[in-house]
Amino acid sequence: MAEVLISPGVLARENDQSFLQAQPIQAGAAIVGPTVKGPVGIPTLVTTYSDYQNVFGTVVESGSAEYTYFTSVSAYNYFQQGGDSLLVTRVVSGSYTSATSTTIANEDTENAFTLKTLSEGVIMNSSGSEGNNNTLTNGTRDNVRWEIISPNTSSGTFSLLIRRGNDASNNKTILETWANVSLDPNSNDYIEKVIGNSKQTVTEDNGEYYVKNEGSYLNRSRYVYVDSVNSPTLNYFDNNGDAKTAFTSSIPVATSGTFGSATGTDFTTANSPALFNELISNDNTQGFDSDALASPDNGSYAVAFSLLANKDDYQYNLITAPGLIKGFLNATGELTTMVNNSQNRGDNLSIIDLVKWGENLSLVTGGAAAIDSSYAATYWPWLQTIDPDTNKTIWVPASTMIPGVYAFNDRAGEPWFAPAGLNRGGLSTVLRAERKLTNGNRNDLYTANVNPIATFPNTGVVVFGQKTLQKKASAMDRVNVRRLLIALKSFISQVADNLVFEQNTIATRNNFLGQVNPYMESVQQRQGLYAFKVVMDDSNNTPDVIDRNQLVGQIYVQPTKTAEFIYLDFNILPTGATFPS
């Protein structure tokens, strides 16, 4: 269609202004803590509680009883309340390695290829004696075994099953099926391409930690990766399309096997019996002691927080470490690092616990007085809930349940709404609070910037505060305002990222304004702002600024405040009096 008129006439043109405004990348919560299994020290994204269980396990045995880590309880409640993505980092004490597959034999009685588990620690060792129906003595619901089926020398393919460690030959629990894979590196079905051969390790460089990636193909399996192919069948077929006789004996035979040789004993064994729930102490919290906490190994809390400080690699809007209590195990330094990370990143909020179960109110308020940050918040008292894996009633610190409250708040409202009150602060999975707070108790806690968890008749247990731990009175001493600024900065930063190295011209500035202003208007319409103004023009981008290769924008906002203190004046008037207008 012509876009200009050469001779007299009328040209009808279209200007499509109906493009939908891009929304910011959504980030979920992050949890740091011990788990039954899983990759050590590697922040790993899960999207459902079932996904979490597959990667990080269910219950841990200690002292002839089964327990569930706070990490798991928190993950369960987060997804129950509408959370959609969770970044989990497993912490341990000591050195851990993966389990290796037993010989996957071919007709030449050689090991055709080797698998390793993504999860680390001795819990992954399923190797050992077999009982009836091919059951494994060391097989558990948390480790795995392998099986080769349908080997076909004509096509050069076979299928690999990853089975749960505690199944039986007459009642198999198949976790993954990799059908018609090949040992031919030139085939699209090459086993390393299909399953993956990547290994991730936490590595230190001059005091800084990062995740080192090794391998050519990303892992598609949630349980194993291909460590090596020992009998590759390069170009399996000859020019006539027939299998080369030199390779047919390389195809693995139909058989099954296990995994073994993993190292890293769970610290619940080393510090046995481990103490869980309300019994955790300064010397033993879920099996961790002071030495374990101070361990310099790559699975420690300190290393986990160092990794999660990387804003480019890991996105989250909330972080907790349930079980890591201020003052416990000399953990104040780790919690301080977590809060400092939140403040330095500027895109998330740290939720921390101040005291163990059974402590008095003065210790809570005293602990809060030592922290001053708008990027941290704390809640009290402890809460009783149902263990999702053992179905027992257990006591947990408040930080275990708060991610679920935030998830529900964001699903029912917006991040800049207060995650508190009867509408969005209800704790539906909580049975009762450790202590029923009086109005005076709540006043003392709120004055000290501790968010009280109240119990009301016919309503239940409710978060009834939304203060940050900032001491100075300002808009930033409220959670909803802090989270509003986090949301705004996140979106505007994403817009600005696309302008780096672009021409510093009016067109670039208008591009920025054309994306930011509509988003700010939408936040205002959704009750996040009273008013706003975005300036990026000649007034703040002078020739001197441009010559320094800078592009400057200024955003002015008036955050919406919440109604926390409602005064209702009942005026009793005599009969016949006139009501004021």
Protein backbone atom coordinates (compact mmCIF):
# COMPACT_ATOMS: atom_id res chain seq x y z
CA MET A 1 0.00 0.00 0.00
CA ALA A 2 1.31 3.49 -0.88
CA GLU A 3 2.40 5.58 2.12
CA VAL A 4 2.62 8.99 0.38
CA LEU A 5 0.54 10.89 -2.18
CA ILE A 6 2.20 11.66 -5.50
CA SER A 7 -0.89 13.03 -7.23
CA PRO A 8 -3.92 14.67 -5.63
CA GLY A 9 -6.10 12.25 -3.66
CA VAL A 10 -6.89 10.91 -0.21
CA LEU A 11 -4.68 8.49 1.72
CA ALA A 12 -6.19 6.62 4.66
CA ARG A 13 -3.50 5.44 7.06
CA GLU A 14 -3.61 3.26 10.14
CA ASN A 15 -1.85 3.98 13.44
CA ASP A 16 -2.10 0.94 15.68
CA GLN A 17 -2.02 2.18 19.26
CA SER A 18 -3.60 -0.92 20.74
CA PHE A 19 -0.37 -2.65 21.73
CA LEU A 20 -0.59 -4.16 25.18
CA GLN A 21 1.78 -2.68 27.72
CA ALA A 22 4.52 -5.15 28.67
CA GLN A 23 4.33 -6.27 32.28
CA PRO A 24 7.34 -6.63 34.56
CA ILE A 25 9.03 -9.98 34.95
CA GLN A 26 7.45 -11.62 37.99
CA ALA A 27 9.70 -12.94 40.73
CA GLY A 28 8.69 -15.29 43.51
CA ALA A 29 10.11 -16.00 46.95
CA ALA A 30 13.48 -17.47 47.92
CA ILE A 31 14.04 -19.90 50.79
CA VAL A 32 17.43 -20.91 52.19
CA GLY A 33 17.65 -23.94 54.47
CA PRO A 34 18.38 -27.65 54.89
CA THR A 35 16.49 -30.21 52.80
CA VAL A 36 16.49 -33.99 52.63
CA LYS A 37 18.23 -34.10 49.25
CA GLY A 38 18.86 -31.95 46.21
CA PRO A 39 21.76 -30.06 44.64
CA VAL A 40 23.95 -28.58 47.35
CA GLY A 41 24.26 -24.81 47.40
CA ILE A 42 22.71 -24.33 43.93
CA PRO A 43 19.68 -21.99 43.92
CA THR A 44 17.03 -24.11 42.16
CA LEU A 45 13.64 -22.99 40.88
CA VAL A 46 10.55 -25.11 41.63
CA THR A 47 6.99 -24.29 40.59
CA THR A 48 4.82 -26.69 42.64
CA TYR A 49 5.14 -28.51 45.93
CA SER A 50 5.23 -31.81 44.05
CA ASP A 51 8.14 -30.41 42.04
CA TYR A 52 9.79 -29.39 45.31
CA GLN A 53 9.40 -32.91 46.75
CA ASN A 54 10.90 -34.49 43.63
CA VAL A 55 13.98 -32.30 43.85
CA PHE A 56 14.41 -31.75 47.59
CA GLY A 57 12.69 -34.71 49.23
CA THR A 58 10.12 -35.15 51.97
CA VAL A 59 10.94 -36.28 55.52
CA VAL A 60 14.18 -36.82 57.39
CA GLU A 61 14.71 -39.54 60.00
CA SER A 62 16.42 -38.69 63.26
CA GLY A 63 16.24 -40.41 66.64
CA SER A 64 13.85 -43.12 65.34
CA ALA A 65 11.31 -40.49 64.27
CA GLU A 66 10.47 -38.65 61.07
CA TYR A 67 10.50 -34.89 60.75
CA THR A 68 10.01 -32.27 58.07
CA TYR A 69 12.41 -29.37 57.67
CA PHE A 70 11.05 -25.83 58.05
CA THR A 71 12.13 -25.35 54.42
CA SER A 72 9.59 -27.94 53.28
CA VAL A 73 6.77 -26.63 55.49
CA SER A 74 7.38 -23.13 54.14
CA ALA A 75 7.41 -24.34 50.52
CA TYR A 76 4.16 -26.25 51.01
CA ASN A 77 2.31 -23.28 52.50
CA TYR A 78 3.73 -20.90 49.89
CA PHE A 79 2.27 -22.95 47.05
CA GLN A 80 -0.96 -23.60 48.99
CA GLN A 81 -1.53 -19.85 49.21
CA GLY A 82 -1.06 -19.22 45.49
CA GLY A 83 2.70 -18.84 45.06
CA ASP A 84 3.86 -19.83 41.59
CA SER A 85 7.66 -19.90 41.72
CA LEU A 86 10.11 -20.60 44.52
CA LEU A 87 13.91 -20.38 44.53
CA VAL A 88 15.26 -22.96 46.99
CA THR A 89 18.88 -23.20 48.12
CA ARG A 90 19.88 -26.29 50.09
CA VAL A 91 22.45 -25.79 52.85
CA VAL A 92 24.57 -28.56 54.37
CA SER A 93 27.66 -29.01 56.47
CA GLY A 94 30.67 -30.72 54.90
CA SER A 95 31.52 -31.96 51.42
CA TYR A 96 28.84 -33.69 49.34
CA THR A 97 29.04 -35.55 46.02
CA SER A 98 26.61 -37.16 43.58
CA ALA A 99 25.87 -40.88 43.34
CA THR A 100 27.16 -42.78 40.29
CA SER A 101 25.35 -45.49 38.34
CA THR A 102 26.54 -49.06 38.59
CA THR A 103 27.82 -50.63 35.36
CA ILE A 104 25.38 -50.19 32.46
CA ALA A 105 26.65 -53.19 30.54
CA ASN A 106 26.58 -53.83 26.79
CA GLU A 107 27.20 -57.09 24.92
CA ASP A 108 30.95 -56.45 25.19
CA THR A 109 30.46 -56.42 29.00
CA GLU A 110 31.70 -52.84 29.03
CA ASN A 111 30.12 -49.87 30.74
CA ALA A 112 28.23 -48.22 27.87
CA PHE A 113 27.70 -44.90 29.66
CA THR A 114 27.68 -43.46 33.16
CA LEU A 115 24.92 -41.52 34.92
CA LYS A 116 25.22 -39.34 38.01
CA THR A 117 22.50 -37.98 40.26
CA LEU A 118 21.82 -34.26 40.35
CA SER A 119 21.08 -34.61 44.05
CA GLU A 120 24.03 -35.06 46.39
CA GLY A 121 24.69 -36.91 49.65
CA VAL A 122 24.66 -40.51 50.86
CA ILE A 123 20.88 -40.56 50.77
CA MET A 124 21.22 -41.01 46.99
CA ASN A 125 23.06 -44.35 47.38
CA SER A 126 20.52 -47.00 46.38
CA SER A 127 23.11 -49.73 45.69
CA GLY A 128 23.07 -52.82 47.86
CA SER A 129 21.48 -56.24 48.12
CA GLU A 130 18.18 -57.07 46.43
CA GLY A 131 15.16 -58.82 47.89
CA ASN A 132 12.05 -60.34 46.38
CA ASN A 133 10.65 -58.63 43.27
CA ASN A 134 13.93 -56.81 42.73
CA THR A 135 13.41 -54.59 45.80
CA LEU A 136 16.49 -52.77 47.10
CA THR A 137 17.61 -52.86 50.70
CA ASN A 138 18.91 -49.29 50.37
CA GLY A 139 16.16 -48.08 48.07
CA THR A 140 14.11 -45.17 49.45
CA ARG A 141 11.46 -42.78 48.16
CA ASP A 142 14.18 -40.14 47.91
CA ASN A 143 16.79 -41.98 45.82
CA VAL A 144 16.59 -43.53 42.35
CA ARG A 145 17.55 -46.54 40.25
CA TRP A 146 17.92 -47.02 36.48
CA GLU A 147 16.67 -49.56 33.96
CA ILE A 148 17.44 -50.23 30.28
CA ILE A 149 14.56 -51.54 28.16
CA SER A 150 13.93 -52.18 24.46
CA PRO A 151 17.53 -52.29 23.18
CA ASN A 152 17.46 -52.40 19.37
CA THR A 153 20.72 -53.05 17.52
CA SER A 154 19.04 -52.47 14.14
CA SER A 155 18.20 -48.88 14.99
CA GLY A 156 21.00 -48.37 17.50
CA THR A 157 18.57 -47.18 20.16
CA PHE A 158 17.33 -48.15 23.61
CA SER A 159 15.10 -46.66 26.30
CA LEU A 160 16.18 -45.56 29.76
CA LEU A 161 13.88 -45.53 32.80
CA ILE A 162 14.60 -43.62 35.99
CA ARG A 163 12.73 -45.39 38.78
CA ARG A 164 12.15 -44.58 42.42
CA GLY A 165 14.55 -46.39 44.70
CA ASN A 166 11.92 -48.13 46.84
CA ASP A 167 9.82 -49.67 44.03
CA ALA A 168 9.64 -53.33 42.97
CA SER A 169 9.81 -55.13 39.62
CA ASN A 170 6.10 -56.00 39.83
CA ASN A 171 5.12 -52.50 40.94
CA LYS A 172 7.46 -50.02 39.30
CA THR A 173 7.37 -46.32 40.08
CA ILE A 174 8.75 -44.72 36.93
CA LEU A 175 9.84 -41.13 37.45
CA GLU A 176 11.13 -40.49 33.92
CA THR A 177 11.18 -42.32 30.60
CA TRP A 178 13.75 -41.49 27.94
CA ALA A 179 12.66 -43.43 24.87
CA ASN A 180 14.77 -44.42 21.85
CA VAL A 181 17.99 -42.71 22.84
CA SER A 182 21.26 -43.34 21.01
CA LEU A 183 24.99 -43.45 21.69
CA ASP A 184 25.71 -41.84 18.31
CA PRO A 185 27.00 -38.27 18.90
CA ASN A 186 25.71 -37.25 15.44
CA SER A 187 22.16 -38.41 16.15
CA ASN A 188 19.44 -36.06 17.31
CA ASP A 189 18.61 -38.76 19.87
CA TYR A 190 22.11 -38.82 21.33
CA ILE A 191 21.73 -39.56 25.02
CA GLU A 192 23.72 -36.54 26.18
CA LYS A 193 21.57 -34.22 24.05
CA VAL A 194 18.32 -35.79 25.23
CA ILE A 195 19.03 -36.12 28.97
CA GLY A 196 21.76 -33.52 29.43
CA ASN A 197 25.34 -33.66 30.64
CA SER A 198 25.66 -30.44 32.62
CA LYS A 199 27.20 -30.32 36.06
CA GLN A 200 26.93 -27.28 38.31
CA THR A 201 29.36 -26.56 41.12
CA VAL A 202 29.71 -23.64 43.51
CA THR A 203 33.13 -22.11 42.87
CA GLU A 204 35.13 -19.43 44.64
CA ASP A 205 37.15 -16.74 42.88
CA ASN A 206 39.03 -14.30 45.10
CA GLY A 207 36.43 -14.52 47.87
CA GLU A 208 33.46 -14.31 45.49
CA TYR A 209 31.22 -17.29 44.80
CA TYR A 210 29.51 -18.23 41.56
CA VAL A 211 27.93 -21.29 39.96
CA LYS A 212 30.28 -22.91 37.47
CA ASN A 213 28.59 -24.75 34.59
CA GLU A 214 30.27 -27.69 32.90
CA GLY A 215 28.92 -29.76 30.01
CA SER A 216 27.64 -29.15 26.49
CA TYR A 217 23.93 -29.87 26.92
CA LEU A 218 21.43 -28.50 29.42
CA ASN A 219 19.87 -31.04 31.76
CA ARG A 220 16.33 -32.04 30.87
CA SER A 221 16.15 -34.73 33.54
CA ARG A 222 15.22 -33.68 37.06
CA TYR A 223 17.16 -36.57 38.59
CA VAL A 224 20.29 -37.51 36.62
CA TYR A 225 22.79 -36.28 34.07
CA VAL A 226 25.10 -38.18 31.70
CA ASP A 227 28.59 -38.06 33.14
CA SER A 228 30.27 -39.88 30.24
CA VAL A 229 29.56 -42.03 27.18
CA ASN A 230 32.15 -44.80 27.23
CA SER A 231 31.10 -46.63 24.05
CA PRO A 232 30.10 -43.96 21.51
CA THR A 233 28.72 -45.23 18.20
CA LEU A 234 29.75 -42.38 15.89
CA ASN A 235 27.86 -42.65 12.55
CA TYR A 236 26.11 -45.87 13.57
CA PHE A 237 24.86 -46.64 10.03
CA ASP A 238 26.91 -47.34 6.91
CA ASN A 239 26.19 -45.87 3.47
CA ASN A 240 23.49 -48.46 2.84
CA GLY A 241 21.68 -47.49 6.03
CA ASP A 242 22.64 -50.68 7.83
CA ALA A 243 24.02 -50.83 11.36
CA LYS A 244 27.78 -51.22 11.46
CA THR A 245 28.70 -54.54 13.04
CA ALA A 246 31.50 -52.87 15.00
CA PHE A 247 28.88 -50.87 16.93
CA THR A 248 26.00 -53.26 17.52
CA SER A 249 27.62 -54.80 20.57
CA SER A 250 28.00 -51.33 22.11
CA ILE A 251 24.25 -50.96 22.68
CA PRO A 252 23.43 -51.63 26.37
CA VAL A 253 21.55 -54.82 27.15
CA ALA A 254 18.20 -54.90 28.94
CA THR A 255 18.99 -54.76 32.63
CA SER A 256 18.55 -52.60 35.71
CA GLY A 257 20.90 -51.12 38.27
CA THR A 258 21.43 -48.67 41.07
CA PHE A 259 23.47 -45.66 42.16
CA GLY A 260 26.25 -45.51 44.74
CA SER A 261 29.51 -43.95 45.95
CA ALA A 262 27.92 -40.63 46.94
CA THR A 263 29.48 -38.90 49.94
CA GLY A 264 28.16 -36.41 52.47
CA THR A 265 26.39 -37.67 55.57
CA ASP A 266 23.33 -35.70 56.54
CA PHE A 267 24.14 -33.56 59.58
CA THR A 268 21.12 -34.91 61.42
CA THR A 269 23.17 -38.08 61.78
CA ALA A 270 26.28 -36.24 62.93
CA ASN A 271 24.33 -34.24 65.51
CA SER A 272 21.89 -36.95 66.51
CA PRO A 273 19.24 -36.73 67.57
CA ALA A 274 18.56 -33.56 65.64
CA LEU A 275 16.16 -31.11 67.24
CA PHE A 276 13.19 -29.87 65.25
CA ASN A 277 10.24 -27.51 65.56
CA GLU A 278 9.78 -25.94 69.01
CA LEU A 279 12.65 -28.02 70.45
CA ILE A 280 15.41 -26.35 68.43
CA SER A 281 18.09 -24.83 70.65
CA ASN A 282 21.16 -22.66 70.41
CA ASP A 283 23.27 -25.80 70.00
CA ASN A 284 21.05 -27.80 67.66
CA THR A 285 18.58 -26.45 65.13
CA GLN A 286 17.40 -29.13 62.68
CA GLY A 287 20.76 -30.86 63.13
CA PHE A 288 22.88 -27.75 62.63
CA ASP A 289 25.28 -26.75 65.37
CA SER A 290 27.62 -23.76 65.62
CA ASP A 291 30.46 -25.58 63.86
CA ALA A 292 28.17 -26.56 60.99
CA LEU A 293 26.96 -23.00 60.62
CA ALA A 294 30.52 -21.68 60.56
CA SER A 295 31.61 -24.28 58.01
CA PRO A 296 33.38 -22.71 55.02
CA ASP A 297 32.09 -25.42 52.68
CA ASN A 298 30.19 -24.48 49.54
CA GLY A 299 26.89 -25.64 51.00
CA SER A 300 26.89 -23.18 53.91
CA TYR A 301 24.44 -20.37 54.64
CA ALA A 302 27.18 -17.79 54.07
CA VAL A 303 27.94 -19.10 50.59
CA ALA A 304 24.23 -19.37 49.76
CA PHE A 305 23.68 -15.71 50.64
CA SER A 306 26.77 -14.75 48.66
CA LEU A 307 25.34 -16.45 45.56
CA LEU A 308 21.89 -14.94 46.04
CA ALA A 309 23.42 -11.47 46.18
CA ASN A 310 23.82 -11.76 42.39
CA LYS A 311 20.88 -9.75 41.08
CA ASP A 312 21.49 -10.69 37.45
CA ASP A 313 21.31 -14.45 38.02
CA TYR A 314 18.62 -14.78 40.67
CA GLN A 315 15.30 -12.96 40.84
CA TYR A 316 13.08 -12.98 43.94
CA ASN A 317 10.95 -10.45 45.82
CA LEU A 318 11.10 -12.06 49.27
CA ILE A 319 13.72 -14.15 51.09
CA THR A 320 13.57 -16.20 54.28
CA ALA A 321 15.80 -18.67 56.13
CA PRO A 322 13.36 -20.40 58.54
CA GLY A 323 15.20 -21.99 61.43
CA LEU A 324 18.01 -19.45 61.31
CA ILE A 325 17.14 -17.36 64.36
CA LYS A 326 18.90 -14.17 65.43
CA GLY A 327 21.35 -15.05 68.20
CA PHE A 328 21.14 -18.83 67.57
CA LEU A 329 24.38 -20.62 66.62
CA ASN A 330 26.00 -17.19 66.31
CA ALA A 331 23.77 -16.70 63.27
CA THR A 332 23.45 -12.93 63.63
CA GLY A 333 26.17 -12.46 61.00
CA GLU A 334 24.37 -14.62 58.44
CA LEU A 335 21.06 -12.85 58.99
CA THR A 336 22.78 -9.48 58.75
CA THR A 337 24.25 -10.57 55.42
CA MET A 338 20.79 -11.59 54.20
CA VAL A 339 19.33 -8.20 55.12
CA ASN A 340 22.30 -6.34 53.62
CA ASN A 341 21.86 -8.31 50.40
CA SER A 342 18.23 -7.23 50.20
CA GLN A 343 19.24 -3.63 50.79
CA ASN A 344 22.09 -3.70 48.26
CA ARG A 345 19.97 -5.41 45.60
CA GLY A 346 17.00 -3.16 46.31
CA ASP A 347 14.48 -5.62 44.87
CA ASN A 348 13.40 -7.86 47.75
CA LEU A 349 12.45 -8.00 51.41
CA SER A 350 14.09 -10.17 54.10
CA ILE A 351 11.80 -11.86 56.63
CA ILE A 352 13.67 -12.83 59.81
CA ASP A 353 12.92 -14.49 63.14
CA LEU A 354 14.19 -12.96 66.38
CA VAL A 355 13.57 -15.57 69.09
CA LYS A 356 13.01 -19.27 69.63
CA TRP A 357 9.74 -20.81 70.79
CA GLY A 358 8.64 -19.98 74.31
CA GLU A 359 10.44 -16.64 74.73
CA ASN A 360 8.86 -13.54 76.25
CA LEU A 361 7.76 -10.36 74.53
CA SER A 362 10.60 -8.19 75.84
CA LEU A 363 13.20 -10.38 74.12
CA VAL A 364 11.30 -9.96 70.85
CA THR A 365 11.17 -6.19 71.06
CA GLY A 366 14.79 -6.06 72.22
CA GLY A 367 15.92 -8.12 69.24
CA ALA A 368 14.10 -5.83 66.82
CA ALA A 369 15.81 -2.77 68.28
CA ALA A 370 19.17 -3.97 66.95
CA ILE A 371 18.06 -3.87 63.29
CA ASP A 372 17.41 -0.78 61.20
CA SER A 373 16.38 -1.46 57.60
CA SER A 374 13.34 -0.88 55.41
CA TYR A 375 14.32 -4.04 53.53
CA ALA A 376 13.61 -6.32 56.51
CA ALA A 377 10.52 -7.25 58.50
CA THR A 378 9.80 -9.59 61.39
CA TYR A 379 6.70 -11.29 62.79
CA TRP A 380 5.82 -12.94 66.11
CA PRO A 381 4.78 -15.30 67.75
CA TRP A 382 5.46 -18.87 66.55
CA LEU A 383 2.63 -20.78 64.88
CA GLN A 384 1.18 -24.28 64.97
CA THR A 385 0.34 -25.96 61.66
CA ILE A 386 -0.03 -29.41 60.07
CA ASP A 387 3.16 -31.00 58.80
CA PRO A 388 2.46 -31.62 55.08
CA ASP A 389 4.51 -34.83 54.99
CA THR A 390 3.90 -36.49 58.37
CA ASN A 391 0.42 -35.05 59.05
CA LYS A 392 1.47 -34.20 62.61
CA THR A 393 0.84 -30.88 64.34
CA ILE A 394 4.07 -28.92 64.63
CA TRP A 395 5.28 -25.51 65.81
CA VAL A 396 7.16 -23.33 63.33
CA PRO A 397 8.69 -19.82 63.45
CA ALA A 398 6.63 -17.11 61.76
CA SER A 399 9.01 -16.74 58.81
CA THR A 400 8.01 -20.25 57.74
CA MET A 401 4.45 -19.12 57.02
CA ILE A 402 4.86 -15.49 55.95
CA PRO A 403 5.86 -16.25 52.31
CA GLY A 404 2.42 -17.84 51.91
CA VAL A 405 0.77 -14.66 53.25
CA TYR A 406 2.66 -12.54 50.72
CA ALA A 407 1.77 -14.97 47.92
CA PHE A 408 -1.94 -14.74 48.78
CA ASN A 409 -1.74 -10.95 49.08
CA ASP A 410 -0.25 -10.65 45.60
CA ARG A 411 -2.82 -13.05 44.13
CA ALA A 412 -5.82 -11.41 45.81
CA GLY A 413 -4.56 -7.83 45.49
CA GLU A 414 -1.29 -6.23 44.44
CA PRO A 415 2.26 -6.20 45.84
CA TRP A 416 1.63 -2.65 47.10
CA PHE A 417 -1.33 -3.78 49.21
CA ALA A 418 -0.63 -4.53 52.86
CA PRO A 419 -0.11 -8.29 53.47
CA ALA A 420 -2.05 -8.00 56.70
CA GLY A 421 -5.55 -7.76 58.11
CA LEU A 422 -8.64 -9.91 57.82
CA ASN A 423 -8.86 -9.72 54.01
CA ARG A 424 -5.29 -10.64 53.03
CA GLY A 425 -3.44 -11.49 56.25
CA GLY A 426 -5.33 -14.61 57.28
CA LEU A 427 -3.27 -17.73 58.03
CA SER A 428 -5.69 -20.40 56.86
CA THR A 429 -3.26 -23.30 57.37
CA VAL A 430 -2.39 -22.25 60.94
CA LEU A 431 -4.16 -23.98 63.83
CA ARG A 432 -3.20 -21.52 66.56
CA ALA A 433 -0.53 -19.06 67.63
CA GLU A 434 1.95 -19.79 70.40
CA ARG A 435 0.41 -16.90 72.34
CA LYS A 436 -2.88 -15.02 72.08
CA LEU A 437 -1.79 -11.41 72.04
CA THR A 438 -3.73 -8.77 73.92
CA ASN A 439 -4.26 -5.29 72.50
CA GLY A 440 -1.49 -4.10 74.82
CA ASN A 441 0.86 -6.79 73.53
CA ARG A 442 0.15 -5.76 69.95
CA ASN A 443 0.81 -2.12 70.84
CA ASP A 444 4.18 -2.96 72.40
CA LEU A 445 5.20 -5.07 69.41
CA TYR A 446 4.10 -2.55 66.80
CA THR A 447 5.89 0.27 68.61
CA ALA A 448 9.05 -1.86 68.34
CA ASN A 449 8.43 -2.50 64.61
CA VAL A 450 7.50 -6.15 65.18
CA ASN A 451 4.42 -7.25 63.25
CA PRO A 452 2.04 -9.02 65.65
CA ILE A 453 0.19 -12.18 64.65
CA ALA A 454 -3.15 -11.87 66.36
CA THR A 455 -5.89 -14.36 67.20
CA PHE A 456 -9.51 -13.21 66.90
CA PRO A 457 -12.70 -15.10 67.83
CA ASN A 458 -14.54 -16.54 64.80
CA THR A 459 -11.72 -15.33 62.55
CA GLY A 460 -8.62 -17.26 63.53
CA VAL A 461 -4.97 -16.33 63.31
CA VAL A 462 -4.19 -13.17 61.35
CA VAL A 463 -1.12 -11.10 60.53
CA PHE A 464 -1.99 -7.74 62.09
CA GLY A 465 0.91 -5.49 61.22
CA GLN A 466 2.95 -4.40 58.22
CA LYS A 467 5.95 -2.50 59.49
CA THR A 468 9.49 -2.82 58.20
CA LEU A 469 12.39 -2.71 60.66
CA GLN A 470 13.31 0.87 59.69
CA LYS A 471 13.59 2.97 62.84
CA LYS A 472 13.06 6.42 61.33
CA ALA A 473 9.44 7.30 60.69
CA SER A 474 8.85 7.66 56.95
CA ALA A 475 6.77 6.08 54.21
CA MET A 476 9.42 3.34 54.00
CA ASP A 477 8.61 2.02 57.46
CA ARG A 478 5.63 0.20 55.93
CA VAL A 479 5.85 -3.06 53.99
CA ASN A 480 3.34 -2.04 51.33
CA VAL A 481 5.30 1.11 50.43
CA ARG A 482 8.62 -0.71 50.38
CA ARG A 483 7.15 -3.37 48.10
CA LEU A 484 5.59 -0.68 45.90
CA LEU A 485 9.02 0.87 45.36
CA ILE A 486 10.50 -2.57 44.69
CA ALA A 487 7.83 -3.21 42.02
CA LEU A 488 8.33 0.21 40.40
CA LYS A 489 12.12 -0.03 40.40
CA SER A 490 11.96 -3.53 38.96
CA PHE A 491 9.79 -2.56 36.01
CA ILE A 492 11.52 0.73 35.25
CA SER A 493 14.94 -0.91 35.48
CA GLN A 494 13.82 -3.57 32.99
CA VAL A 495 12.76 -0.79 30.59
CA ALA A 496 16.05 1.05 31.09
CA ASP A 497 18.10 -2.11 30.46
CA ASN A 498 16.92 -2.06 26.86
CA LEU A 499 18.18 1.51 26.39
CA VAL A 500 21.80 0.88 27.38
CA PHE A 501 24.04 1.65 24.34
CA GLU A 502 21.14 3.21 22.43
CA GLN A 503 21.48 6.66 20.90
CA ASN A 504 21.11 9.42 23.50
CA THR A 505 18.40 11.29 21.63
CA ILE A 506 14.88 12.59 22.09
CA ALA A 507 13.59 9.43 20.40
CA THR A 508 15.24 7.24 23.05
CA ARG A 509 13.83 9.39 25.85
CA ASN A 510 10.36 9.22 24.34
CA ASN A 511 10.73 5.45 24.06
CA PHE A 512 11.39 5.33 27.81
CA LEU A 513 8.52 7.67 28.67
CA GLY A 514 6.18 5.80 26.34
CA GLN A 515 6.67 2.62 28.36
CA VAL A 516 7.01 4.00 31.89
CA ASN A 517 4.11 6.47 31.96
CA PRO A 518 1.41 3.93 30.99
CA TYR A 519 2.72 1.50 33.60
CA MET A 520 2.72 4.17 36.30
CA GLU A 521 -0.83 5.10 35.31
CA SER A 522 -1.87 1.46 35.67
CA VAL A 523 -0.31 1.33 39.16
CA GLN A 524 -2.21 4.49 40.06
CA GLN A 525 -5.46 2.98 38.80
CA ARG A 526 -4.73 -0.11 40.88
CA GLN A 527 -4.47 2.01 44.05
CA GLY A 528 -0.70 2.02 44.33
CA LEU A 529 -0.09 5.74 43.88
CA TYR A 530 -1.84 9.00 44.67
CA ALA A 531 0.20 10.81 42.02
CA PHE A 532 3.42 10.52 40.01
CA LYS A 533 5.60 12.37 37.56
CA VAL A 534 8.34 11.07 35.24
CA VAL A 535 10.92 13.53 33.89
CA MET A 536 13.38 12.67 31.15
CA ASP A 537 13.91 15.68 28.91
CA ASP A 538 16.33 18.55 28.25
CA SER A 539 15.96 19.77 31.84
CA ASN A 540 17.84 16.82 33.30
CA ASN A 541 19.70 15.71 30.16
CA THR A 542 21.80 18.77 29.45
CA PRO A 543 24.61 18.75 26.86
CA ASP A 544 27.09 18.21 29.68
CA VAL A 545 25.18 15.11 30.88
CA ILE A 546 24.96 13.76 27.34
CA ASP A 547 28.69 14.31 26.80
CA ARG A 548 29.32 12.07 29.82
CA ASN A 549 27.35 9.32 28.06
CA GLN A 550 24.60 9.51 30.64
CA LEU A 551 20.83 9.35 30.33
CA VAL A 552 19.02 10.70 33.40
CA GLY A 553 15.44 10.10 34.44
CA GLN A 554 13.67 11.30 37.56
CA ILE A 555 10.58 9.59 38.94
CA TYR A 556 8.45 11.34 41.58
CA VAL A 557 5.84 9.27 43.40
CA GLN A 558 3.29 9.77 46.16
CA PRO A 559 2.69 6.24 47.52
CA THR A 560 -0.76 5.26 48.67
CA LYS A 561 -0.93 4.81 52.45
CA THR A 562 -2.96 2.16 54.23
CA ALA A 563 -5.66 2.78 56.82
CA GLU A 564 -4.14 1.17 59.92
CA PHE A 565 -5.70 3.33 62.61
CA ILE A 566 -9.43 3.80 62.15
CA TYR A 567 -11.23 6.21 64.50
CA LEU A 568 -15.02 6.00 64.69
CA ASP A 569 -16.70 8.76 66.68
CA PHE A 570 -20.21 7.96 67.86
CA ASN A 571 -22.04 11.19 68.77
CA ILE A 572 -25.21 10.87 70.83
CA LEU A 573 -27.60 13.77 70.24
CA PRO A 574 -30.85 14.69 72.03
CA THR A 575 -34.19 14.09 70.37
CA GLY A 576 -34.99 16.74 67.79
CA ALA A 577 -31.37 17.79 67.27
CA THR A 578 -30.25 18.52 63.73
CA PHE A 579 -27.51 16.33 62.28
CA PRO A 580 -24.48 18.28 61.05
CA SER A 581 -24.13 18.40 57.28
